[in-house]
Amino acid sequence: MLDWMAQALASPDVQVRLNALETWAREGERSAVDPLMLALNDPDTRVRERAMQLIEQDWLAEQALLSNAAR
């Protein structure tokens, strides 16, 4: 996992954790969901929900790629 992401997700400040997820959403490597899996255990519901949304988006994007590749 990226060091900055692990550090941000360990922050006591929920806004720092949410910002880390948004940064991953913009710049993160697709299919590298390890940081998102860690965020699923966050004590804040908003962080857990956003992590799940990003995991679902990543999964849907990967399924679309696989579907297009099979054609």
PDB file of N, CA and C in Angstrom:
ATOM      1  N   MET A   1       0.848  -1.170   0.000  1.00  0.00           N
ATOM      2  CA  MET A   1       0.000   0.000   0.000  1.00  0.00           C
ATOM      3  C   MET A   1       0.894   1.234   0.000  1.00  0.00           C
ATOM      4  N   LEU A   2       0.407   2.266  -0.622  1.00  0.00           N
ATOM      5  CA  LEU A   2       1.151   3.508  -0.650  1.00  0.00           C
ATOM      6  C   LEU A   2       1.303   4.050   0.764  1.00  0.00           C
ATOM      7  N   ASP A   3       2.509   4.488   1.076  1.00  0.00           N
ATOM      8  CA  ASP A   3       2.784   4.989   2.425  1.00  0.00           C
ATOM      9  C   ASP A   3       1.899   6.169   2.787  1.00  0.00           C
ATOM     10  N   TRP A   4       1.741   7.094   1.843  1.00  0.00           N
ATOM     11  CA  TRP A   4       0.923   8.277   2.152  1.00  0.00           C
ATOM     12  C   TRP A   4      -0.513   7.883   2.454  1.00  0.00           C
ATOM     13  N   MET A   5      -1.020   6.880   1.754  1.00  0.00           N
ATOM     14  CA  MET A   5      -2.404   6.452   1.945  1.00  0.00           C
ATOM     15  C   MET A   5      -2.565   5.785   3.307  1.00  0.00           C
ATOM     16  N   ALA A   6      -1.640   4.929   3.656  1.00  0.00           N
ATOM     17  CA  ALA A   6      -1.703   4.259   4.954  1.00  0.00           C
ATOM     18  C   ALA A   6      -1.626   5.281   6.078  1.00  0.00           C
ATOM     19  N   GLN A   7      -0.753   6.258   5.912  1.00  0.00           N
ATOM     20  CA  GLN A   7      -0.601   7.295   6.926  1.00  0.00           C
ATOM     21  C   GLN A   7      -1.883   8.135   7.042  1.00  0.00           C
ATOM     22  N   ALA A   8      -2.453   8.512   5.909  1.00  0.00           N
ATOM     23  CA  ALA A   8      -3.669   9.324   5.924  1.00  0.00           C
ATOM     24  C   ALA A   8      -4.843   8.558   6.519  1.00  0.00           C
ATOM     25  N   LEU A   9      -4.967   7.276   6.196  1.00  0.00           N
ATOM     26  CA  LEU A   9      -6.079   6.484   6.725  1.00  0.00           C
ATOM     27  C   LEU A   9      -5.938   6.210   8.214  1.00  0.00           C
ATOM     28  N   ALA A  10      -4.730   6.383   8.744  1.00  0.00           N
ATOM     29  CA  ALA A  10      -4.507   6.207  10.177  1.00  0.00           C
ATOM     30  C   ALA A  10      -4.708   7.505  10.960  1.00  0.00           C
ATOM     31  N   SER A  11      -4.973   8.585  10.264  1.00  0.00           N
ATOM     32  CA  SER A  11      -5.142   9.884  10.920  1.00  0.00           C
ATOM     33  C   SER A  11      -6.374   9.869  11.826  1.00  0.00           C
ATOM     34  N   PRO A  12      -6.303  10.548  12.956  1.00  0.00           N
ATOM     35  CA  PRO A  12      -7.494  10.658  13.810  1.00  0.00           C
ATOM     36  C   PRO A  12      -8.537  11.620  13.230  1.00  0.00           C
ATOM     37  N   ASP A  13      -8.138  12.402  12.235  1.00  0.00           N
ATOM     38  CA  ASP A  13      -9.032  13.386  11.612  1.00  0.00           C
ATOM     39  C   ASP A  13      -9.802  12.735  10.463  1.00  0.00           C
ATOM     40  N   VAL A  14     -11.113  12.650  10.596  1.00  0.00           N
ATOM     41  CA  VAL A  14     -11.932  11.992   9.573  1.00  0.00           C
ATOM     42  C   VAL A  14     -11.812  12.697   8.228  1.00  0.00           C
ATOM     43  N   GLN A  15     -11.649  14.009   8.227  1.00  0.00           N
ATOM     44  CA  GLN A  15     -11.534  14.726   6.957  1.00  0.00           C
ATOM     45  C   GLN A  15     -10.264  14.340   6.213  1.00  0.00           C
ATOM     46  N   VAL A  16      -9.190  14.090   6.937  1.00  0.00           N
ATOM     47  CA  VAL A  16      -7.946  13.629   6.315  1.00  0.00           C
ATOM     48  C   VAL A  16      -8.179  12.259   5.679  1.00  0.00           C
ATOM     49  N   ARG A  17      -8.886  11.381   6.373  1.00  0.00           N
ATOM     50  CA  ARG A  17      -9.161  10.041   5.839  1.00  0.00           C
ATOM     51  C   ARG A  17     -10.048  10.120   4.601  1.00  0.00           C
ATOM     52  N   LEU A  18     -11.089  10.973   4.652  1.00  0.00           N
ATOM     53  CA  LEU A  18     -11.961  11.136   3.486  1.00  0.00           C
ATOM     54  C   LEU A  18     -11.195  11.739   2.309  1.00  0.00           C
ATOM     55  N   ASN A  19     -10.345  12.719   2.580  1.00  0.00           N
ATOM     56  CA  ASN A  19      -9.535  13.319   1.509  1.00  0.00           C
ATOM     57  C   ASN A  19      -8.601  12.292   0.877  1.00  0.00           C
ATOM     58  N   ALA A  20      -8.069  11.393   1.676  1.00  0.00           N
ATOM     59  CA  ALA A  20      -7.198  10.336   1.138  1.00  0.00           C
ATOM     60  C   ALA A  20      -7.973   9.457   0.163  1.00  0.00           C
ATOM     61  N   LEU A  21      -9.209   9.130   0.507  1.00  0.00           N
ATOM     62  CA  LEU A  21     -10.034   8.316  -0.393  1.00  0.00           C
ATOM     63  C   LEU A  21     -10.329   9.061  -1.686  1.00  0.00           C
ATOM     64  N   GLU A  22     -10.608  10.356  -1.598  1.00  0.00           N
ATOM     65  CA  GLU A  22     -10.885  11.137  -2.798  1.00  0.00           C
ATOM     66  C   GLU A  22      -9.645  11.257  -3.682  1.00  0.00           C
ATOM     67  N   THR A  23      -8.490  11.392  -3.058  1.00  0.00           N
ATOM     68  CA  THR A  23      -7.238  11.429  -3.823  1.00  0.00           C
ATOM     69  C   THR A  23      -7.026  10.099  -4.533  1.00  0.00           C
ATOM     70  N   TRP A  24      -7.287   9.005  -3.834  1.00  0.00           N
ATOM     71  CA  TRP A  24      -7.164   7.684  -4.466  1.00  0.00           C
ATOM     72  C   TRP A  24      -8.122   7.576  -5.649  1.00  0.00           C
ATOM     73  N   ALA A  25      -9.340   8.090  -5.483  1.00  0.00           N
ATOM     74  CA  ALA A  25     -10.341   8.022  -6.549  1.00  0.00           C
ATOM     75  C   ALA A  25      -9.867   8.764  -7.797  1.00  0.00           C
ATOM     76  N   ARG A  26      -9.180   9.876  -7.604  1.00  0.00           N
ATOM     77  CA  ARG A  26      -8.696  10.658  -8.739  1.00  0.00           C
ATOM     78  C   ARG A  26      -7.408  10.107  -9.331  1.00  0.00           C
ATOM     79  N   GLU A  27      -6.511   9.635  -8.476  1.00  0.00           N
ATOM     80  CA  GLU A  27      -5.152   9.338  -8.923  1.00  0.00           C
ATOM     81  C   GLU A  27      -4.703   7.904  -8.702  1.00  0.00           C
ATOM     82  N   GLY A  28      -5.493   7.135  -7.976  1.00  0.00           N
ATOM     83  CA  GLY A  28      -5.063   5.788  -7.609  1.00  0.00           C
ATOM     84  C   GLY A  28      -5.073   4.823  -8.772  1.00  0.00           C
ATOM     85  N   GLU A  29      -4.249   3.834  -8.641  1.00  0.00           N
ATOM     86  CA  GLU A  29      -4.179   2.777  -9.642  1.00  0.00           C
ATOM     87  C   GLU A  29      -5.414   1.894  -9.513  1.00  0.00           C
ATOM     88  N   ARG A  30      -6.113   1.733 -10.568  1.00  0.00           N
ATOM     89  CA  ARG A  30      -7.306   0.892 -10.555  1.00  0.00           C
ATOM     90  C   ARG A  30      -6.904  -0.528 -10.207  1.00  0.00           C
ATOM     91  N   SER A  31      -7.789  -1.224  -9.571  1.00  0.00           N
ATOM     92  CA  SER A  31      -7.592  -2.600  -9.120  1.00  0.00           C
ATOM     93  C   SER A  31      -6.600  -2.701  -7.976  1.00  0.00           C
ATOM     94  N   ALA A  32      -6.126  -1.586  -7.476  1.00  0.00           N
ATOM     95  CA  ALA A  32      -5.256  -1.590  -6.294  1.00  0.00           C
ATOM     96  C   ALA A  32      -6.125  -1.129  -5.124  1.00  0.00           C
ATOM     97  N   VAL A  33      -6.974  -2.019  -4.665  1.00  0.00           N
ATOM     98  CA  VAL A  33      -7.978  -1.640  -3.674  1.00  0.00           C
ATOM     99  C   VAL A  33      -7.561  -1.939  -2.233  1.00  0.00           C
ATOM    100  N   ASP A  34      -6.330  -2.343  -2.007  1.00  0.00           N
ATOM    101  CA  ASP A  34      -5.886  -2.627  -0.639  1.00  0.00           C
ATOM    102  C   ASP A  34      -6.152  -1.472   0.321  1.00  0.00           C
ATOM    103  N   PRO A  35      -5.834  -0.222  -0.062  1.00  0.00           N
ATOM    104  CA  PRO A  35      -6.126   0.876   0.859  1.00  0.00           C
ATOM    105  C   PRO A  35      -7.617   1.008   1.148  1.00  0.00           C
ATOM    106  N   LEU A  36      -8.417   0.713   0.160  1.00  0.00           N
ATOM    107  CA  LEU A  36      -9.861   0.809   0.350  1.00  0.00           C
ATOM    108  C   LEU A  36     -10.360  -0.268   1.295  1.00  0.00           C
ATOM    109  N   MET A  37      -9.763  -1.439   1.230  1.00  0.00           N
ATOM    110  CA  MET A  37     -10.150  -2.518   2.134  1.00  0.00           C
ATOM    111  C   MET A  37      -9.859  -2.119   3.579  1.00  0.00           C
ATOM    112  N   LEU A  38      -8.736  -1.460   3.794  1.00  0.00           N
ATOM    113  CA  LEU A  38      -8.391  -0.974   5.122  1.00  0.00           C
ATOM    114  C   LEU A  38      -9.438   0.027   5.616  1.00  0.00           C
ATOM    115  N   ALA A  39      -9.894   0.891   4.720  1.00  0.00           N
ATOM    116  CA  ALA A  39     -10.870   1.925   5.084  1.00  0.00           C
ATOM    117  C   ALA A  39     -12.233   1.334   5.434  1.00  0.00           C
ATOM    118  N   LEU A  40     -12.505   0.113   5.026  1.00  0.00           N
ATOM    119  CA  LEU A  40     -13.786  -0.519   5.377  1.00  0.00           C
ATOM    120  C   LEU A  40     -13.916  -0.759   6.873  1.00  0.00           C
ATOM    121  N   ASN A  41     -12.794  -0.732   7.585  1.00  0.00           N
ATOM    122  CA  ASN A  41     -12.805  -0.925   9.040  1.00  0.00           C
ATOM    123  C   ASN A  41     -12.759   0.392   9.806  1.00  0.00           C
ATOM    124  N   ASP A  42     -12.904   1.496   9.102  1.00  0.00           N
ATOM    125  CA  ASP A  42     -12.819   2.810   9.733  1.00  0.00           C
ATOM    126  C   ASP A  42     -13.961   2.999  10.734  1.00  0.00           C
ATOM    127  N   PRO A  43     -13.706   3.702  11.826  1.00  0.00           N
ATOM    128  CA  PRO A  43     -14.776   3.929  12.802  1.00  0.00           C
ATOM    129  C   PRO A  43     -15.856   4.893  12.306  1.00  0.00           C
ATOM    130  N   ASP A  44     -15.555   5.687  11.285  1.00  0.00           N
ATOM    131  CA  ASP A  44     -16.522   6.658  10.777  1.00  0.00           C
ATOM    132  C   ASP A  44     -17.311   6.064   9.603  1.00  0.00           C
ATOM    133  N   THR A  45     -18.618   6.147   9.694  1.00  0.00           N
ATOM    134  CA  THR A  45     -19.499   5.594   8.660  1.00  0.00           C
ATOM    135  C   THR A  45     -19.230   6.212   7.296  1.00  0.00           C
ATOM    136  N   ARG A  46     -18.958   7.525   7.261  1.00  0.00           N
ATOM    137  CA  ARG A  46     -18.728   8.190   5.967  1.00  0.00           C
ATOM    138  C   ARG A  46     -17.513   7.626   5.256  1.00  0.00           C
ATOM    139  N   VAL A  47     -16.477   7.319   5.990  1.00  0.00           N
ATOM    140  CA  VAL A  47     -15.266   6.751   5.395  1.00  0.00           C
ATOM    141  C   VAL A  47     -15.566   5.341   4.881  1.00  0.00           C
ATOM    142  N   ARG A  48     -16.241   4.540   5.685  1.00  0.00           N
ATOM    143  CA  ARG A  48     -16.586   3.169   5.250  1.00  0.00           C
ATOM    144  C   ARG A  48     -17.470   3.193   4.009  1.00  0.00           C
ATOM    145  N   GLU A  49     -18.465   4.066   3.995  1.00  0.00           N
ATOM    146  CA  GLU A  49     -19.372   4.130   2.841  1.00  0.00           C
ATOM    147  C   GLU A  49     -18.652   4.580   1.580  1.00  0.00           C
ATOM    148  N   ARG A  50     -17.772   5.581   1.702  1.00  0.00           N
ATOM    149  CA  ARG A  50     -17.041   6.051   0.520  1.00  0.00           C
ATOM    150  C   ARG A  50     -16.090   4.977   0.018  1.00  0.00           C
ATOM    151  N   ALA A  51     -15.440   4.280   0.921  1.00  0.00           N
ATOM    152  CA  ALA A  51     -14.553   3.191   0.505  1.00  0.00           C
ATOM    153  C   ALA A  51     -15.337   2.127  -0.255  1.00  0.00           C
ATOM    154  N   MET A  52     -16.522   1.774   0.231  1.00  0.00           N
ATOM    155  CA  MET A  52     -17.341   0.775  -0.452  1.00  0.00           C
ATOM    156  C   MET A  52     -17.768   1.278  -1.827  1.00  0.00           C
ATOM    157  N   GLN A  53     -18.134   2.536  -1.935  1.00  0.00           N
ATOM    158  CA  GLN A  53     -18.503   3.098  -3.235  1.00  0.00           C
ATOM    159  C   GLN A  53     -17.347   2.986  -4.223  1.00  0.00           C
ATOM    160  N   LEU A  54     -16.150   3.312  -3.769  1.00  0.00           N
ATOM    161  CA  LEU A  54     -14.985   3.252  -4.652  1.00  0.00           C
ATOM    162  C   LEU A  54     -14.650   1.823  -5.048  1.00  0.00           C
ATOM    163  N   ILE A  55     -14.802   0.889  -4.126  1.00  0.00           N
ATOM    164  CA  ILE A  55     -14.567  -0.519  -4.452  1.00  0.00           C
ATOM    165  C   ILE A  55     -15.573  -0.980  -5.505  1.00  0.00           C
ATOM    166  N   GLU A  56     -16.828  -0.603  -5.324  1.00  0.00           N
ATOM    167  CA  GLU A  56     -17.864  -0.976  -6.294  1.00  0.00           C
ATOM    168  C   GLU A  56     -17.595  -0.350  -7.657  1.00  0.00           C
ATOM    169  N   GLN A  57     -17.194   0.919  -7.680  1.00  0.00           N
ATOM    170  CA  GLN A  57     -16.876   1.585  -8.948  1.00  0.00           C
ATOM    171  C   GLN A  57     -15.719   0.893  -9.643  1.00  0.00           C
ATOM    172  N   ASP A  58     -14.710   0.534  -8.870  1.00  0.00           N
ATOM    173  CA  ASP A  58     -13.547  -0.148  -9.431  1.00  0.00           C
ATOM    174  C   ASP A  58     -13.949  -1.503 -10.007  1.00  0.00           C
ATOM    175  N   TRP A  59     -14.791  -2.227  -9.284  1.00  0.00           N
ATOM    176  CA  TRP A  59     -15.239  -3.541  -9.746  1.00  0.00           C
ATOM    177  C   TRP A  59     -16.039  -3.402 -11.049  1.00  0.00           C
ATOM    178  N   LEU A  60     -16.946  -2.428 -11.094  1.00  0.00           N
ATOM    179  CA  LEU A  60     -17.748  -2.220 -12.306  1.00  0.00           C
ATOM    180  C   LEU A  60     -16.873  -1.846 -13.496  1.00  0.00           C
ATOM    181  N   ALA A  61     -15.876  -1.000 -13.272  1.00  0.00           N
ATOM    182  CA  ALA A  61     -14.968  -0.618 -14.354  1.00  0.00           C
ATOM    183  C   ALA A  61     -14.189  -1.820 -14.857  1.00  0.00           C
ATOM    184  N   GLU A  62     -13.748  -2.666 -13.936  1.00  0.00           N
ATOM    185  CA  GLU A  62     -13.011  -3.860 -14.342  1.00  0.00           C
ATOM    186  C   GLU A  62     -13.906  -4.826 -15.121  1.00  0.00           C
ATOM    187  N   GLN A  63     -15.145  -4.977 -14.691  1.00  0.00           N
ATOM    188  CA  GLN A  63     -16.078  -5.849 -15.405  1.00  0.00           C
ATOM    189  C   GLN A  63     -16.335  -5.334 -16.812  1.00  0.00           C
ATOM    190  N   ALA A  64     -16.430  -4.027 -16.972  1.00  0.00           N
ATOM    191  CA  ALA A  64     -16.632  -3.440 -18.297  1.00  0.00           C
ATOM    192  C   ALA A  64     -15.433  -3.715 -19.196  1.00  0.00           C
ATOM    193  N   LEU A  65     -14.242  -3.602 -18.637  1.00  0.00           N
ATOM    194  CA  LEU A  65     -13.034  -3.892 -19.413  1.00  0.00           C
ATOM    195  C   LEU A  65     -12.998  -5.348 -19.844  1.00  0.00           C
ATOM    196  N   LEU A  66     -13.339  -6.241 -18.926  1.00  0.00           N
ATOM    197  CA  LEU A  66     -13.343  -7.672 -19.254  1.00  0.00           C
ATOM    198  C   LEU A  66     -14.399  -7.982 -20.303  1.00  0.00           C
ATOM    199  N   SER A  67     -15.535  -7.347 -20.196  1.00  0.00           N
ATOM    200  CA  SER A  67     -16.612  -7.560 -21.157  1.00  0.00           C
ATOM    201  C   SER A  67     -16.188  -7.079 -22.550  1.00  0.00           C
ATOM    202  N   ASN A  68     -15.563  -5.935 -22.600  1.00  0.00           N
ATOM    203  CA  ASN A  68     -15.101  -5.393 -23.889  1.00  0.00           C
ATOM    204  C   ASN A  68     -13.982  -6.245 -24.477  1.00  0.00           C
ATOM    205  N   ALA A  69     -13.132  -6.783 -23.639  1.00  0.00           N
ATOM    206  CA  ALA A  69     -12.038  -7.624 -24.103  1.00  0.00           C
ATOM    207  C   ALA A  69     -12.544  -8.951 -24.669  1.00  0.00           C
ATOM    208  N   ALA A  70     -13.681  -9.409 -24.157  1.00  0.00           N
ATOM    209  CA  ALA A  70     -14.234 -10.692 -24.601  1.00  0.00           C
ATOM    210  C   ALA A  70     -14.945 -10.573 -25.948  1.00  0.00           C
ATOM    211  N   ARG A  71     -15.184  -9.372 -26.372  1.00  0.00           N
ATOM    212  CA  ARG A  71     -15.889  -9.179 -27.662  1.00  0.00           C
ATOM    213  C   ARG A  71     -14.981  -9.293 -28.826  1.00  0.00           C
TER     214      ARG A  71
END
